[in-house]
């Protein structure tokens, strides 16, 4: 028999004997499955965070802030800047010939999350009537829009799910002002669903911001118009602003949080993986110890050491694949689409998101399980190949 035929024959025999060693094999599978479940769960947080941010951005919407600002909290400008931007080229006009432009103010208020005693930073965004027109997926699903000049607000769907007392019809006190919730909106799970919206002028007065704004969103004539708008504004001595597409802005916002979550996820996975590796090592060493006579007999019949080592590694990889698949499926079944919230370190506010278990993450979990069990199978495989034939035959 050639080497491949020998590997197939020995591997088949090993796999047929797994039911006789089901308890130790189950320990290895569950160990790898647990590691995979934790890894995929943590990485799905980063994926959900990325989807919520990058999915909110559009290539045909410009994000305009004060030059040098990396987030909306750190910038600010006045009405004169809004006037200059509204006359800039590249901005789409509505049916009445007005530029589709939304000057906005971003403040943080206290929000009480469901099931928790402590309050968190909830974003309150001051917007005008143009705000829904510069959001690609905005949809009012309950109630109505707030009226200009009133203490009325509308809330994102994620806010309603995660916070107490913010359903339509409820009243809440922020600062020295009472606010009435009159509507609820969705934005295809985008970051806007983590926000409360109110009239800009009222928010400015309540927080004593005068006539200042922190960001401008402008609907572009086309994605290519961003260059025309950026060139015009950066060369205009009357304003000092930075211009980028909304998609690029949110892509920058999610980098820090994704990096932190991925680091924590892989650190925990490696720590737990060491424990799973020892469980797999124990399983495979026991498998080799229970097959001393079989291995010696095969070697006496002419089977090579390569076939023996390969058979142990294949068994290890199969256990790893099963464990990885179980962990990935459990993560998808119980976590995918589940809403939660976390701190957006770019804006120091709480942000709602949905766990997102993608096929890529499941594949990552399975591959990690295969790596663990492959490493665990090397030493038992070498030990099996080096078993003295005469000592094994004495066991007959």
Protein backbone atom coordinates (compact mmCIF):
# COMPACT_ATOMS: atom_id res chain seq x y z
CA UNK A 1 0.00 0.00 0.00
CA UNK A 2 1.20 3.53 -0.74
CA UNK A 3 1.43 6.18 1.97
CA UNK A 4 -1.97 7.75 1.20
CA UNK A 5 -3.71 4.38 1.28
CA UNK A 6 -2.07 3.61 4.61
CA UNK A 7 -3.18 6.98 6.03
CA UNK A 8 -6.74 6.33 4.87
CA UNK A 9 -6.81 2.84 6.38
CA UNK A 10 -5.37 3.85 9.75
CA UNK A 11 -7.49 7.01 10.00
CA UNK A 12 -10.64 5.04 9.23
CA UNK A 13 -9.83 2.61 12.00
CA UNK A 14 -9.18 5.47 14.45
CA UNK A 15 -12.48 7.15 13.64
CA UNK A 16 -14.44 3.92 14.03
CA UNK A 17 -13.01 3.60 17.52
CA UNK A 18 -14.09 7.10 18.65
CA UNK A 19 -17.45 5.83 20.06
CA UNK A 20 -15.44 3.65 22.45
CA UNK A 21 -13.67 6.82 23.67
CA UNK A 22 -16.68 9.12 23.47
CA UNK A 23 -16.26 10.68 26.93
CA UNK A 24 -12.70 11.92 26.41
CA UNK A 25 -13.48 12.95 22.83
CA UNK A 26 -16.50 14.91 24.08
CA UNK A 27 -14.30 16.81 26.54
CA UNK A 28 -12.03 17.91 23.70
CA UNK A 29 -14.96 18.90 21.48
CA UNK A 30 -16.66 20.89 24.24
CA UNK A 31 -13.40 22.60 25.16
CA UNK A 32 -12.82 23.76 21.60
CA UNK A 33 -16.51 24.64 21.24
CA UNK A 34 -16.42 26.82 24.35
CA UNK A 35 -13.35 28.69 23.15
CA UNK A 36 -14.91 29.21 19.73
CA UNK A 37 -18.18 30.42 21.23
CA UNK A 38 -16.42 33.07 23.33
CA UNK A 39 -14.21 34.17 20.43
CA UNK A 40 -17.05 34.48 17.92
CA UNK A 41 -19.28 36.20 20.50
CA UNK A 42 -16.70 38.89 21.24
CA UNK A 43 -15.76 39.41 17.60
CA UNK A 44 -19.46 39.70 16.73
CA UNK A 45 -19.60 42.76 19.02
CA UNK A 46 -16.91 44.44 16.93
CA UNK A 47 -18.69 43.36 13.74
CA UNK A 48 -22.00 44.76 15.00
CA UNK A 49 -20.32 47.98 16.05
CA UNK A 50 -18.74 48.29 12.61
CA UNK A 51 -22.03 47.60 10.83
CA UNK A 52 -23.84 50.19 12.95
CA UNK A 53 -21.27 52.87 12.17
CA UNK A 54 -20.11 52.15 8.63
CA UNK A 55 -23.63 51.13 7.61
CA UNK A 56 -24.84 54.56 8.67
CA UNK A 57 -22.55 56.41 6.29
CA UNK A 58 -23.24 57.39 2.71
CA UNK A 59 -20.89 58.30 -0.10
CA UNK A 60 -23.28 61.02 -1.28
CA UNK A 61 -23.46 62.81 2.09
CA UNK A 62 -20.68 65.18 3.19
CA UNK A 63 -19.71 65.46 6.84
CA UNK A 64 -18.42 68.96 7.61
CA UNK A 65 -16.84 69.89 10.95
CA UNK A 66 -14.33 72.38 12.24
CA UNK A 67 -10.85 71.76 10.83
CA UNK A 68 -8.87 69.35 13.01
CA UNK A 69 -11.93 67.88 14.77
CA UNK A 70 -12.06 64.10 14.95
CA UNK A 71 -15.55 63.91 16.43
CA UNK A 72 -18.62 66.07 16.83
CA UNK A 73 -17.97 66.89 20.49
CA UNK A 74 -14.64 68.57 19.80
CA UNK A 75 -15.78 71.02 17.13
CA UNK A 76 -17.95 74.07 16.80
CA UNK A 77 -18.83 76.93 14.46
CA UNK A 78 -21.43 79.62 14.01
CA UNK A 79 -24.20 80.63 11.62
CA UNK A 80 -21.73 82.40 9.30
CA UNK A 81 -20.10 79.04 8.49
CA UNK A 82 -23.51 77.53 7.73
CA UNK A 83 -24.20 80.40 5.32
CA UNK A 84 -20.90 79.92 3.50
CA UNK A 85 -21.38 76.15 3.20
CA UNK A 86 -24.96 76.53 1.90
CA UNK A 87 -23.61 78.54 -1.05
CA UNK A 88 -20.80 76.08 -1.84
CA UNK A 89 -20.86 74.02 -5.06
CA UNK A 90 -21.71 70.32 -5.17
CA UNK A 91 -24.64 70.37 -2.71
CA UNK A 92 -27.96 69.04 -3.96
CA UNK A 93 -31.01 71.30 -3.92
CA UNK A 94 -34.57 70.32 -3.02
CA UNK A 95 -37.72 71.05 -5.04
CA UNK A 96 -37.82 74.60 -3.68
CA UNK A 97 -34.21 75.23 -4.67
CA UNK A 98 -32.89 75.13 -1.09
CA UNK A 99 -29.65 73.23 -0.36
CA UNK A 100 -30.24 69.94 1.43
CA UNK A 101 -28.15 70.81 4.43
CA UNK A 102 -28.52 69.89 8.10
CA UNK A 103 -26.66 71.98 10.75
CA UNK A 104 -26.61 69.91 13.94
CA UNK A 105 -25.70 70.16 17.61
CA UNK A 106 -24.57 67.14 19.64
CA UNK A 107 -24.88 67.02 23.44
CA UNK A 108 -24.89 64.26 26.05
CA UNK A 109 -27.68 63.68 28.57
CA UNK A 110 -28.25 61.12 31.33
CA UNK A 111 -30.11 58.00 30.27
CA UNK A 112 -31.14 55.12 32.54
CA UNK A 113 -30.58 51.79 30.86
CA UNK A 114 -33.05 48.98 31.42
CA UNK A 115 -32.05 46.66 34.25
CA UNK A 116 -29.25 48.94 35.48
CA UNK A 117 -29.08 51.51 38.25
CA UNK A 118 -26.31 53.68 36.83
CA UNK A 119 -26.99 56.24 34.12
CA UNK A 120 -25.01 56.51 30.90
CA UNK A 121 -24.31 59.19 28.32
CA UNK A 122 -27.21 59.31 25.88
CA UNK A 123 -26.71 61.42 22.71
CA UNK A 124 -29.23 64.22 22.17
CA UNK A 125 -28.91 65.70 18.70
CA UNK A 126 -30.33 69.08 17.79
CA UNK A 127 -31.51 68.94 14.19
CA UNK A 128 -33.73 70.77 11.75
CA UNK A 129 -36.37 69.59 9.30
CA UNK A 130 -33.69 68.66 6.74
CA UNK A 131 -32.12 66.01 8.99
CA UNK A 132 -34.21 63.06 7.70
CA UNK A 133 -33.31 63.98 4.11
CA UNK A 134 -29.57 63.48 4.70
CA UNK A 135 -30.06 60.05 6.32
CA UNK A 136 -30.37 57.36 3.72
CA UNK A 137 -32.58 55.00 5.74
CA UNK A 138 -34.51 57.25 8.13
CA UNK A 139 -38.07 56.05 8.72
CA UNK A 140 -40.59 57.29 11.26
CA UNK A 141 -42.34 54.16 12.57
CA UNK A 142 -44.41 55.55 15.42
CA UNK A 143 -45.84 58.94 16.35
CA UNK A 144 -44.76 62.07 14.48
CA UNK A 145 -41.84 64.46 14.01
CA UNK A 146 -41.22 67.09 16.65
CA UNK A 147 -42.56 70.59 16.08
CA UNK A 148 -40.06 73.41 15.65
CA UNK A 149 -39.62 75.61 18.71
CA UNK A 150 -41.04 73.04 21.15
CA UNK A 151 -39.56 70.71 23.77
CA UNK A 152 -40.54 67.66 21.75
CA UNK A 153 -38.14 64.90 20.75
CA UNK A 154 -38.13 61.74 18.66
CA UNK A 155 -36.09 58.69 19.69
CA UNK A 156 -34.22 56.00 17.80
CA UNK A 157 -35.48 52.42 17.98
CA UNK A 158 -32.28 51.32 19.73
CA UNK A 159 -32.87 53.91 22.46
CA UNK A 160 -36.38 52.60 23.10
CA UNK A 161 -35.06 49.04 23.41
CA UNK A 162 -32.18 49.87 25.75
CA UNK A 163 -33.43 52.76 27.91
CA UNK A 164 -36.25 53.18 30.42
CA UNK A 165 -38.93 55.84 30.10
CA UNK A 166 -38.33 56.88 26.50
CA UNK A 167 -41.34 55.34 24.77
CA UNK A 168 -43.62 57.54 22.69
CA UNK A 169 -45.84 59.64 24.96
CA UNK A 170 -43.39 59.63 27.88
CA UNK A 171 -41.84 62.75 29.44
CA UNK A 172 -38.25 63.03 30.64
CA UNK A 173 -36.28 65.80 32.32
CA UNK A 174 -32.82 66.71 31.00
CA UNK A 175 -31.04 69.73 32.37
CA UNK A 176 -33.65 72.25 33.50
CA UNK A 177 -36.12 71.29 30.77
CA UNK A 178 -38.90 68.73 30.46
CA UNK A 179 -39.02 66.93 27.11
CA UNK A 180 -41.90 64.99 25.54
CA UNK A 181 -41.27 61.96 23.31
CA UNK A 182 -43.55 62.27 20.27
CA UNK A 183 -42.05 59.81 17.79
CA UNK A 184 -39.83 56.78 17.22
CA UNK A 185 -37.69 56.18 14.14
CA UNK A 186 -35.44 53.55 12.61
CA UNK A 187 -32.34 53.84 10.43
CA UNK A 188 -31.63 50.22 9.44
CA UNK A 189 -29.78 49.61 12.73
CA UNK A 190 -27.49 52.58 12.04
CA UNK A 191 -25.97 54.83 14.67
CA UNK A 192 -28.88 57.28 14.46
CA UNK A 193 -31.00 54.68 16.29
CA UNK A 194 -28.79 55.31 19.35
CA UNK A 195 -29.81 58.97 19.46
CA UNK A 196 -32.59 61.31 20.56
CA UNK A 197 -33.46 64.16 18.19
CA UNK A 198 -34.89 67.55 19.10
CA UNK A 199 -35.20 70.98 17.51
CA UNK A 200 -31.78 72.63 17.16
CA UNK A 201 -32.83 76.03 18.47
CA UNK A 202 -34.43 74.56 21.57
CA UNK A 203 -31.39 72.38 22.31
CA UNK A 204 -29.11 75.39 21.86
CA UNK A 205 -31.13 77.40 24.36
CA UNK A 206 -31.41 74.55 26.89
CA UNK A 207 -27.63 74.04 26.93
CA UNK A 208 -26.75 77.72 26.45
CA UNK A 209 -24.92 77.16 23.19
CA UNK A 210 -26.00 80.42 21.55
CA UNK A 211 -26.15 79.95 17.77
CA UNK A 212 -23.37 77.37 17.57
CA UNK A 213 -23.36 74.04 15.76
CA UNK A 214 -20.92 71.14 15.77
CA UNK A 215 -21.46 69.46 12.41
CA UNK A 216 -23.06 69.94 9.03
CA UNK A 217 -24.41 67.17 6.87
CA UNK A 218 -24.88 68.04 3.22
CA UNK A 219 -26.51 65.92 0.52
CA UNK A 220 -24.20 65.84 -2.50
CA UNK A 221 -25.20 66.05 -6.13
CA UNK A 222 -23.25 62.82 -6.58
CA UNK A 223 -20.49 60.95 -4.71
CA UNK A 224 -17.94 62.57 -7.04
CA UNK A 225 -19.10 66.04 -5.91
CA UNK A 226 -17.26 65.62 -2.60
CA UNK A 227 -14.03 66.79 -4.26
CA UNK A 228 -15.68 69.92 -5.65
CA UNK A 229 -17.17 70.78 -2.25
CA UNK A 230 -13.96 70.04 -0.35
CA UNK A 231 -11.82 72.13 -2.70
CA UNK A 232 -14.21 75.07 -2.47
CA UNK A 233 -14.44 75.09 1.33
CA UNK A 234 -10.82 74.39 2.18
CA UNK A 235 -9.73 77.27 -0.07
CA UNK A 236 -12.32 79.69 1.29
CA UNK A 237 -10.62 82.00 3.86
CA UNK A 238 -13.96 82.70 5.59
CA UNK A 239 -14.22 79.21 7.06
CA UNK A 240 -11.92 76.62 8.65
CA UNK A 241 -13.60 73.27 8.15
CA UNK A 242 -12.76 69.69 7.34
CA UNK A 243 -14.78 67.88 4.68
CA UNK A 244 -15.15 64.13 4.14
CA UNK A 245 -17.85 61.69 3.15
CA UNK A 246 -20.10 60.44 5.89
CA UNK A 247 -18.96 56.88 5.18
CA UNK A 248 -15.29 57.82 5.71
CA UNK A 249 -16.17 59.69 8.90
CA UNK A 250 -17.88 56.66 10.45
CA UNK A 251 -15.15 54.32 9.23
CA UNK A 252 -12.66 56.38 11.24
CA UNK A 253 -15.00 56.42 14.26
CA UNK A 254 -15.23 52.64 14.52
CA UNK A 255 -11.50 51.86 14.27
CA UNK A 256 -10.65 52.44 17.93
CA UNK A 257 -13.55 50.45 19.35
CA UNK A 258 -13.09 47.57 16.91
CA UNK A 259 -9.39 47.40 17.77
CA UNK A 260 -10.14 47.23 21.52
CA UNK A 261 -12.82 44.55 21.14
CA UNK A 262 -10.73 42.42 18.78
CA UNK A 263 -7.75 42.64 21.15
CA UNK A 264 -9.84 41.56 24.13
CA UNK A 265 -11.51 38.80 22.10
CA UNK A 266 -8.28 37.25 20.88
CA UNK A 267 -6.60 37.61 24.28
CA UNK A 268 -9.41 35.66 25.96
CA UNK A 269 -9.48 33.14 23.11
CA UNK A 270 -5.76 32.45 23.46
CA UNK A 271 -6.01 32.07 27.24
CA UNK A 272 -8.99 29.72 26.98
CA UNK A 273 -7.37 28.01 24.01
CA UNK A 274 -4.46 26.89 26.16
CA UNK A 275 -6.88 25.08 28.46
CA UNK A 276 -8.69 23.54 25.48
CA UNK A 277 -5.36 22.49 24.01
CA UNK A 278 -4.49 20.52 27.15
CA UNK A 279 -7.92 18.86 27.07
CA UNK A 280 -7.32 17.81 23.47
CA UNK A 281 -3.81 16.63 24.34
CA UNK A 282 -5.18 14.42 27.09
CA UNK A 283 -7.81 12.99 24.75
CA UNK A 284 -5.31 12.15 22.03
CA UNK A 285 -2.71 10.72 24.39
CA UNK A 286 -5.41 8.45 25.84
CA UNK A 287 -6.41 7.44 22.32
CA UNK A 288 -2.81 6.46 21.53
CA UNK A 289 -2.42 4.61 24.86
CA UNK A 290 -5.56 2.58 24.17
CA UNK A 291 -4.34 1.56 20.72
CA UNK A 292 -0.80 0.42 21.53
CA UNK A 293 -1.47 -3.10 20.26
CA UNK A 294 -3.23 -1.90 17.12
CA UNK A 295 -0.43 0.51 16.24
CA UNK A 296 2.26 -2.14 16.87
CA UNK A 297 0.41 -4.63 14.71
CA UNK A 298 0.04 -2.12 11.87
CA UNK A 299 3.74 -1.24 12.06
CA UNK A 300 4.63 -4.95 11.96
CA UNK A 301 2.47 -5.32 8.85
CA UNK A 302 4.50 -2.62 7.11
CA UNK A 303 2.55 0.56 7.85
CA UNK A 304 4.90 3.54 8.05
CA UNK A 305 5.32 6.09 10.85
CA UNK A 306 3.93 8.82 8.58
CA UNK A 307 0.58 7.06 8.32
CA UNK A 308 0.35 6.71 12.10
CA UNK A 309 1.19 10.37 12.76
CA UNK A 310 -1.20 11.55 10.04
CA UNK A 311 -4.04 9.43 11.42
CA UNK A 312 -3.70 11.05 14.86
CA UNK A 313 -3.61 14.54 13.33
CA UNK A 314 -6.67 13.86 11.18
CA UNK A 315 -8.58 12.65 14.22
CA UNK A 316 -7.51 15.81 16.09
CA UNK A 317 -8.61 18.04 13.21
CA UNK A 318 -12.01 16.36 13.01
CA UNK A 319 -12.57 16.92 16.72
CA UNK A 320 -11.47 20.55 16.29
CA UNK A 321 -13.77 21.10 13.32
CA UNK A 322 -16.77 19.66 15.20
CA UNK A 323 -16.00 21.78 18.27
CA UNK A 324 -15.48 24.92 16.20
CA UNK A 325 -18.69 24.33 14.28
CA UNK A 326 -20.68 23.80 17.47
CA UNK A 327 -19.30 27.02 19.00
CA UNK A 328 -20.02 29.03 15.85
CA UNK A 329 -23.54 27.67 15.45
CA UNK A 330 -24.37 28.36 19.11
CA UNK A 331 -23.06 31.92 18.77
CA UNK A 332 -25.19 32.46 15.66
CA UNK A 333 -28.31 30.86 17.15
CA UNK A 334 -28.28 32.75 20.45
CA UNK A 335 -26.47 36.01 19.70
CA UNK A 336 -26.93 37.02 16.08
CA UNK A 337 -29.25 40.02 15.89
CA UNK A 338 -29.48 40.45 19.68
CA UNK A 339 -29.41 44.14 20.63
CA UNK A 340 -27.04 45.51 23.23
CA UNK A 341 -25.07 48.68 23.85
CA UNK A 342 -21.51 49.74 24.49
CA UNK A 343 -19.48 52.89 24.91
CA UNK A 344 -18.50 54.66 21.70
CA UNK A 345 -15.09 55.95 22.76
CA UNK A 346 -14.95 58.33 19.81
CA UNK A 347 -17.93 60.31 21.14
CA UNK A 348 -17.98 59.16 24.83
CA UNK A 349 -21.63 58.19 24.46
CA UNK A 350 -23.55 54.95 24.76
CA UNK A 351 -24.27 53.32 21.42
CA UNK A 352 -26.74 50.55 20.66
CA UNK A 353 -25.84 47.80 18.21
CA UNK A 354 -26.79 44.27 17.24
CA UNK A 355 -24.46 41.28 17.63
CA UNK A 356 -23.47 40.32 14.09
CA UNK A 357 -22.29 36.73 13.60
CA UNK A 358 -21.14 36.57 9.99
CA UNK A 359 -20.10 33.46 8.00
CA UNK A 360 -16.58 34.88 8.11
CA UNK A 361 -16.59 34.92 11.93
CA UNK A 362 -17.90 31.36 12.05
CA UNK A 363 -15.14 30.29 9.68
CA UNK A 364 -12.61 32.09 11.90
CA UNK A 365 -13.85 30.13 14.91
CA UNK A 366 -13.60 26.80 13.07
CA UNK A 367 -10.10 27.60 11.81
CA UNK A 368 -9.01 28.53 15.33
CA UNK A 369 -10.39 25.21 16.61
CA UNK A 370 -8.46 23.37 13.88
CA UNK A 371 -5.24 25.16 14.82
CA UNK A 372 -5.65 24.25 18.48
CA UNK A 373 -6.32 20.57 17.86
CA UNK A 374 -3.60 20.33 15.20
CA UNK A 375 -1.06 21.59 17.74
CA UNK A 376 -2.50 19.21 20.34
CA UNK A 377 -2.17 16.26 17.94
CA UNK A 378 1.52 16.67 17.14
CA UNK A 379 3.01 15.18 20.33
CA UNK A 380 0.58 12.23 20.60
CA UNK A 381 1.16 11.51 16.89
CA UNK A 382 4.94 11.45 17.33
CA UNK A 383 4.58 9.24 20.42
CA UNK A 384 2.42 6.79 18.48
CA UNK A 385 4.94 6.63 15.64
CA UNK A 386 7.81 5.96 18.05
CA UNK A 387 6.13 3.15 20.00
CA UNK A 388 8.46 0.10 19.94
CA UNK A 389 6.86 -2.60 17.83
CA UNK A 390 8.10 -5.40 20.11
CA UNK A 391 6.68 -3.76 23.26
CA UNK A 392 3.32 -3.28 21.58
CA UNK A 393 3.17 -6.85 20.35
CA UNK A 394 3.74 -8.15 23.87
CA UNK A 395 0.33 -6.64 24.73
CA UNK A 396 -1.37 -9.19 22.43
